[in-house]
Amino acid sequence: MTTFSAEPSADEPTEARRSQLTRDELRFDVIEVGPPDGEPVVLLHGFPQFSGSWDALVALLTQQGYRTLMMDQRGYSVGARPRGRWTYRMSELVADVVALIDARGGGPVHLVGHDWGAAVAWALTARRPEKVCSLTALSVPHPWGFITAMATSAQGLKSWYMYFFQLPWLPERLLHAQGVRFLTMFGQSPERARRDAARFPDPAALTGPLNWYRAMTFIDPRAAMKPVRRPTLFVWSDGDSAISRQAAETCERYVDAPYQFETLRGVNHWIPEAATSELAALLIPHLQRWSAGSSTAPSR
C-alpha cells in the first residue's frame, strides 16, 4: 500500500515542499520544487548521495517551469532502510519510484538518474514505459551493457570496489572511517565529499546503500536485457574513473527509440554538480523536445 502525506518543513526554502511517501511500511523523504502544474521531472540520486545532490540542477529546471521530484531512495531515507540485501533487488528499487510517480499524478514523467539512480531509471523505463515520456541517464549505462562490458573490457577492473562491497561489515567500517578519502579518489571535491560522508553518522547507516551492490547477485537477466523504448539521452564524462568508454558505448544497442549520446570533456563522475550548466544545456532541450504534450512525444 502506498500513501503520500505532505509535511512542510520550516527548514526548507519556500519553493521546496517536503513530504513523505509510504510504501509497504517504508517511509521515503521526498522534496518537490517548482510550480505545482509544471511538467514533472523525477531526479534519482546515486551512491552515496542524497537528493540534495540535484540542488544546482533543480534551480535551472524550475527556471524553465518544470516541477522536480526528488526522493532519498531505499537505504537512504531513515524510514526506508529494510534489512537484508534481498530487499534491495532492482524490482523493489523500481517499484519505489513507480510509487512516487503514481502518488504524484501517475505520469508520464521525465526521468533523470545519476550513477545508481541511472541504473534504476534504465530499468524502470524498460519495464514500465507507460510511466516515462523521456529518459536521461548520467554516467551509468544500460544495465546489460554494463554487465557485458565488465566481462569484456577494462570495466571489470574499474569496478573493483563493487567486489569489495560484497563483503559483510568491513566496507561499512572502512567507508565510515575513510569516506571522504574514498569519494575524492573518484573525483569528488573535498567539500562535497565531507558533505556526503557526514550524512552517514555510523557504519550501520551505510548498510542500506551498500546493499544495492550486494543485491546485484539477484539480477534477473531477462529483465536486465530489456531494451528501452523511450527517447533517451545518455551523458558520460571522459574523466569518470568508475565507468569506461567501452561501457558507455554499449548503450545504443539497448535503446529502441531516438537516442542521443553526449560526452562531457574533462568532467569527473559527479556530473550533476561538477558540470551543472553543461548538463542543463543538454537536458533542457531534450525535455522540451519530448514533452508529454508535444507532437513528437511517444505514445503510451
Protein backbone atom coordinates (compact mmCIF):
# COMPACT_ATOMS: atom_id res chain seq x y z
CA MET A 1 0.00 0.00 0.00
CA THR A 2 1.30 3.45 -0.93
CA THR A 3 0.39 6.74 0.71
CA PHE A 4 1.75 10.24 0.25
CA SER A 5 1.50 12.79 3.09
CA ALA A 6 2.76 16.37 2.96
CA GLU A 7 4.58 17.80 5.96
CA PRO A 8 6.02 21.26 5.19
CA SER A 9 9.32 21.98 6.93
CA ALA A 10 10.40 25.40 8.15
CA ASP A 11 13.99 24.45 7.33
CA GLU A 12 13.29 24.27 3.60
CA PRO A 13 13.18 27.27 1.26
CA THR A 14 9.64 28.39 0.48
CA GLU A 15 9.75 26.95 -3.03
CA ALA A 16 10.63 23.46 -1.73
CA ARG A 17 7.87 21.21 -0.43
CA ARG A 18 8.88 18.32 1.84
CA SER A 19 6.72 15.26 2.22
CA GLN A 20 6.85 11.54 2.88
CA LEU A 21 5.92 8.69 0.61
CA THR A 22 4.90 5.46 2.34
CA ARG A 23 5.19 2.14 0.54
CA ASP A 24 4.97 -1.24 2.26
CA GLU A 25 5.58 0.38 5.66
CA LEU A 26 8.71 2.15 4.39
CA ARG A 27 8.76 5.95 4.58
CA PHE A 28 10.67 7.85 1.91
CA ASP A 29 11.67 11.50 2.22
CA VAL A 30 10.56 13.47 -0.83
CA ILE A 31 11.26 17.03 -1.95
CA GLU A 32 9.21 18.75 -4.64
CA VAL A 33 10.32 22.06 -6.16
CA GLY A 34 8.73 24.17 -8.87
CA PRO A 35 5.23 25.11 -9.97
CA PRO A 36 2.60 22.52 -8.94
CA ASP A 37 1.26 22.46 -12.51
CA GLY A 38 4.71 22.19 -14.09
CA GLU A 39 5.72 19.21 -16.20
CA PRO A 40 7.18 16.64 -13.77
CA VAL A 41 10.85 15.66 -13.77
CA VAL A 42 11.87 12.85 -11.39
CA LEU A 43 15.52 13.02 -10.30
CA LEU A 44 17.18 9.87 -8.89
CA HIS A 45 20.44 10.23 -6.96
CA GLY A 46 23.37 7.83 -6.90
CA PHE A 47 25.75 6.32 -4.34
CA PRO A 48 26.48 7.55 -1.73
CA GLN A 49 24.46 10.73 -2.15
CA PHE A 50 21.03 12.10 -1.34
CA SER A 51 18.51 14.21 -3.22
CA GLY A 52 20.42 17.37 -2.33
CA SER A 53 22.99 16.44 -4.97
CA TRP A 54 20.48 17.78 -7.53
CA ASP A 55 20.04 21.24 -5.97
CA ALA A 56 22.03 23.19 -8.57
CA LEU A 57 20.26 21.49 -11.48
CA VAL A 58 16.85 21.91 -9.84
CA ALA A 59 17.34 25.68 -9.79
CA LEU A 60 17.86 25.67 -13.56
CA LEU A 61 14.93 23.34 -14.22
CA THR A 62 12.49 25.36 -12.13
CA GLN A 63 13.52 28.50 -14.02
CA GLN A 64 12.16 26.71 -17.09
CA GLY A 65 8.87 25.91 -15.34
CA TYR A 66 9.50 22.24 -14.55
CA ARG A 67 8.27 20.58 -11.37
CA THR A 68 11.06 18.46 -9.93
CA LEU A 69 10.51 15.47 -7.66
CA MET A 70 13.41 14.01 -5.68
CA MET A 71 13.33 11.08 -3.28
CA ASP A 72 16.00 9.85 -0.87
CA GLN A 73 15.84 6.29 -2.08
CA ARG A 74 15.72 2.94 -0.32
CA GLY A 75 18.52 2.67 2.21
CA TYR A 76 18.98 6.45 2.33
CA SER A 77 15.71 7.68 3.82
CA VAL A 78 15.86 7.00 7.56
CA GLY A 79 12.39 5.43 7.45
CA ALA A 80 13.19 3.20 4.46
CA ARG A 81 16.12 1.03 5.49
CA PRO A 82 14.92 -2.58 5.35
CA ARG A 83 17.28 -5.33 6.41
CA GLY A 84 18.79 -7.90 4.08
CA ARG A 85 20.27 -7.44 0.63
CA TRP A 86 17.31 -9.27 -0.99
CA THR A 87 15.12 -6.25 -0.20
CA TYR A 88 17.38 -4.07 -2.40
CA ARG A 89 16.94 -6.01 -5.64
CA MET A 90 16.17 -3.95 -8.73
CA SER A 91 12.47 -4.83 -8.87
CA GLU A 92 11.99 -3.20 -5.45
CA LEU A 93 14.03 -0.11 -6.35
CA VAL A 94 11.91 0.34 -9.47
CA ALA A 95 8.67 -0.18 -7.55
CA ASP A 96 9.67 2.58 -5.09
CA VAL A 97 9.97 5.12 -7.90
CA VAL A 98 6.77 3.92 -9.60
CA ALA A 99 5.01 4.52 -6.28
CA LEU A 100 6.33 8.08 -6.26
CA ILE A 101 5.14 8.67 -9.83
CA ASP A 102 1.72 7.21 -9.07
CA ALA A 103 1.36 9.31 -5.93
CA ARG A 104 2.06 12.49 -7.89
CA GLY A 105 -0.22 12.08 -10.86
CA GLY A 106 0.69 8.75 -12.41
CA GLY A 107 2.95 10.08 -15.14
CA PRO A 108 4.30 10.01 -17.67
CA VAL A 109 7.31 11.87 -16.28
CA HIS A 110 10.73 12.86 -17.49
CA LEU A 111 13.09 10.50 -15.67
CA VAL A 112 16.67 11.57 -14.87
CA GLY A 113 19.13 9.41 -12.94
CA HIS A 114 22.79 9.57 -11.98
CA ASP A 115 25.03 6.64 -11.00
CA TRP A 116 22.80 4.03 -9.29
CA GLY A 117 19.89 6.36 -9.95
CA ALA A 118 20.65 5.94 -13.65
CA ALA A 119 20.54 2.15 -13.27
CA VAL A 120 17.08 2.41 -11.71
CA ALA A 121 15.97 4.85 -14.42
CA TRP A 122 17.07 2.47 -17.19
CA ALA A 123 15.27 -0.44 -15.53
CA LEU A 124 12.07 1.49 -14.83
CA THR A 125 11.88 2.83 -18.38
CA ALA A 126 12.38 -0.65 -19.84
CA ARG A 127 9.87 -2.33 -17.52
CA ARG A 128 7.23 0.41 -17.17
CA PRO A 129 7.47 2.59 -20.30
CA GLU A 130 3.97 3.98 -19.81
CA LYS A 131 5.31 5.89 -16.79
CA VAL A 132 8.03 7.69 -18.77
CA CYS A 133 7.98 10.22 -21.61
CA SER A 134 11.78 10.65 -21.73
CA LEU A 135 14.85 9.13 -20.08
CA THR A 136 18.12 10.83 -19.22
CA ALA A 137 20.86 8.64 -17.75
CA LEU A 138 24.08 10.11 -16.39
CA SER A 139 27.35 8.19 -16.07
CA VAL A 140 25.99 4.63 -15.76
CA PRO A 141 24.95 2.82 -18.97
CA HIS A 142 22.12 0.39 -19.61
CA PRO A 143 22.31 -2.50 -17.06
CA TRP A 144 23.02 -5.25 -19.54
CA GLY A 145 25.50 -3.12 -21.43
CA PHE A 146 27.33 -2.50 -18.16
CA ILE A 147 27.34 -6.21 -17.26
CA THR A 148 28.70 -7.25 -20.65
CA ALA A 149 31.34 -4.52 -20.51
CA MET A 150 32.52 -5.82 -17.12
CA ALA A 151 33.25 -9.18 -18.74
CA THR A 152 34.77 -7.92 -21.99
CA SER A 153 36.64 -4.67 -21.26
CA ALA A 154 38.54 -2.64 -18.69
CA GLN A 155 35.24 -2.00 -16.92
CA GLY A 156 35.82 -5.11 -14.81
CA LEU A 157 38.95 -3.52 -13.33
CA LYS A 158 37.32 -0.12 -12.88
CA SER A 159 34.58 -1.81 -10.85
CA TRP A 160 36.99 -3.27 -8.27
CA TYR A 161 35.13 -1.58 -5.41
CA MET A 162 31.93 -3.48 -6.28
CA TYR A 163 33.65 -6.75 -5.42
CA PHE A 164 34.92 -5.30 -2.15
CA PHE A 165 31.41 -4.11 -1.27
CA GLN A 166 30.18 -7.72 -1.32
CA LEU A 167 31.97 -8.37 1.98
CA PRO A 168 29.97 -8.15 5.21
CA TRP A 169 30.51 -5.28 7.72
CA LEU A 170 34.08 -4.38 6.60
CA PRO A 171 33.03 -1.95 3.82
CA GLU A 172 30.74 -0.15 6.26
CA ARG A 173 33.53 0.39 8.76
CA LEU A 174 36.10 1.41 6.17
CA LEU A 175 33.79 3.84 4.38
CA HIS A 176 32.69 5.39 7.66
CA ALA A 177 36.31 5.95 8.64
CA GLN A 178 37.64 6.89 5.19
CA GLY A 179 34.56 8.06 3.30
CA VAL A 180 35.98 11.44 2.33
CA ARG A 181 39.15 9.83 1.01
CA PHE A 182 37.14 7.26 -0.97
CA LEU A 183 34.95 9.90 -2.62
CA THR A 184 37.81 12.23 -3.51
CA MET A 185 39.63 9.27 -5.03
CA PHE A 186 36.76 9.11 -7.55
CA GLY A 187 36.95 12.84 -8.25
CA GLN A 188 34.50 14.31 -5.77
CA SER A 189 35.57 17.68 -4.37
CA PRO A 190 36.73 17.60 -0.72
CA GLU A 191 33.91 19.93 0.33
CA ARG A 192 31.19 17.81 -1.27
CA ALA A 193 32.86 14.61 -0.08
CA ARG A 194 32.70 15.86 3.51
CA ARG A 195 29.06 16.83 2.99
CA ASP A 196 28.11 13.40 1.65
CA ALA A 197 30.10 11.45 4.25
CA ALA A 198 28.50 13.45 7.07
CA ARG A 199 25.07 12.07 6.14
CA PHE A 200 26.17 8.65 7.49
CA PRO A 201 26.64 9.10 11.25
CA ASP A 202 27.68 5.49 11.89
CA PRO A 203 28.69 2.39 9.92
CA ALA A 204 25.18 0.92 10.18
CA ALA A 205 23.79 3.83 8.14
CA LEU A 206 25.90 2.65 5.19
CA THR A 207 24.48 -0.87 5.09
CA GLY A 208 21.38 0.07 3.09
CA PRO A 209 23.29 1.94 0.35
CA LEU A 210 25.88 -0.86 0.17
CA ASN A 211 23.12 -3.44 -0.15
CA TRP A 212 22.34 -2.00 -3.59
CA TYR A 213 25.67 -3.51 -4.67
CA ARG A 214 25.18 -6.72 -2.70
CA ALA A 215 21.79 -7.28 -4.34
CA MET A 216 23.42 -7.35 -7.79
CA THR A 217 23.78 -11.10 -7.29
CA PHE A 218 19.98 -11.36 -7.63
CA ILE A 219 19.88 -9.84 -11.11
CA ASP A 220 17.21 -11.18 -13.46
CA PRO A 221 18.94 -11.49 -16.87
CA ARG A 222 15.68 -11.37 -18.83
CA ALA A 223 14.64 -8.13 -17.14
CA ALA A 224 18.15 -6.64 -17.35
CA MET A 225 18.33 -7.25 -21.12
CA LYS A 226 15.05 -5.47 -21.89
CA PRO A 227 15.56 -2.57 -24.29
CA VAL A 228 14.37 0.96 -23.59
CA ARG A 229 11.61 2.23 -25.87
CA ARG A 230 11.53 5.87 -24.84
CA PRO A 231 13.60 8.80 -26.16
CA THR A 232 16.90 8.61 -24.34
CA LEU A 233 19.76 10.99 -23.58
CA PHE A 234 22.87 9.34 -22.16
CA VAL A 235 25.59 11.62 -20.79
CA TRP A 236 29.02 10.24 -19.93
CA SER A 237 32.15 12.14 -18.89
CA ASP A 238 35.64 11.20 -20.05
CA GLY A 239 37.10 11.98 -16.61
CA ASP A 240 34.96 9.28 -14.99
CA SER A 241 37.24 6.87 -13.17
CA ALA A 242 34.39 4.42 -12.47
CA ILE A 243 32.83 3.99 -15.93
CA SER A 244 34.84 3.13 -19.04
CA ARG A 245 34.22 4.44 -22.54
CA GLN A 246 33.63 0.87 -23.70
CA ALA A 247 30.78 0.51 -21.21
CA ALA A 248 29.32 3.87 -22.21
CA GLU A 249 29.36 2.98 -25.88
CA THR A 250 27.29 -0.18 -25.35
CA CYS A 251 24.10 1.78 -24.62
CA GLU A 252 22.87 2.43 -28.12
CA ARG A 253 22.23 -1.23 -28.83
CA TYR A 254 19.75 -1.35 -25.92
CA VAL A 255 17.65 1.66 -26.96
CA ASP A 256 14.85 1.10 -29.47
CA ALA A 257 13.90 4.79 -29.69
CA PRO A 258 15.53 8.15 -30.53
CA TYR A 259 18.92 8.10 -28.81
CA GLN A 260 21.47 10.83 -28.04
CA PHE A 261 24.91 10.11 -26.58
CA GLU A 262 26.97 13.02 -25.28
CA THR A 263 30.45 13.11 -23.75
CA LEU A 264 31.47 15.86 -21.33
CA ARG A 265 35.19 16.53 -21.75
CA GLY A 266 37.37 16.86 -18.67
CA VAL A 267 34.47 16.20 -16.26
CA ASN A 268 34.58 13.62 -13.48
CA HIS A 269 31.94 11.11 -12.40
CA TRP A 270 29.84 13.61 -10.40
CA ILE A 271 28.13 15.21 -13.39
CA PRO A 272 25.09 16.85 -11.70
CA GLU A 273 27.31 19.05 -9.53
CA ALA A 274 30.62 19.09 -11.43
CA ALA A 275 29.08 20.21 -14.74
CA THR A 276 25.62 21.55 -13.93
CA SER A 277 25.48 24.18 -16.68
CA GLU A 278 26.81 21.82 -19.35
CA LEU A 279 24.31 19.18 -18.28
CA ALA A 280 21.39 21.62 -18.32
CA ALA A 281 22.35 22.73 -21.83
CA LEU A 282 21.85 19.13 -22.98
CA LEU A 283 18.98 18.15 -20.72
CA ILE A 284 16.55 21.05 -21.15
CA PRO A 285 16.31 20.78 -24.97
CA HIS A 286 15.83 17.03 -24.53
CA LEU A 287 12.95 17.60 -22.11
CA GLN A 288 11.41 20.25 -24.34
CA ARG A 289 11.59 18.03 -27.41
CA TRP A 290 9.98 15.08 -25.70
CA SER A 291 7.42 16.95 -23.64
CA ALA A 292 4.39 14.82 -22.77
CA GLY A 293 2.20 17.34 -24.56
CA SER A 294 4.31 17.75 -27.69
CA SER A 295 3.53 16.29 -31.10
CA THR A 296 6.79 14.35 -31.01
CA ALA A 297 6.12 12.71 -27.64
CA PRO A 298 6.00 8.89 -27.75
CA SER A 299 2.61 7.26 -27.40
CA ARG A 300 1.83 5.09 -24.41
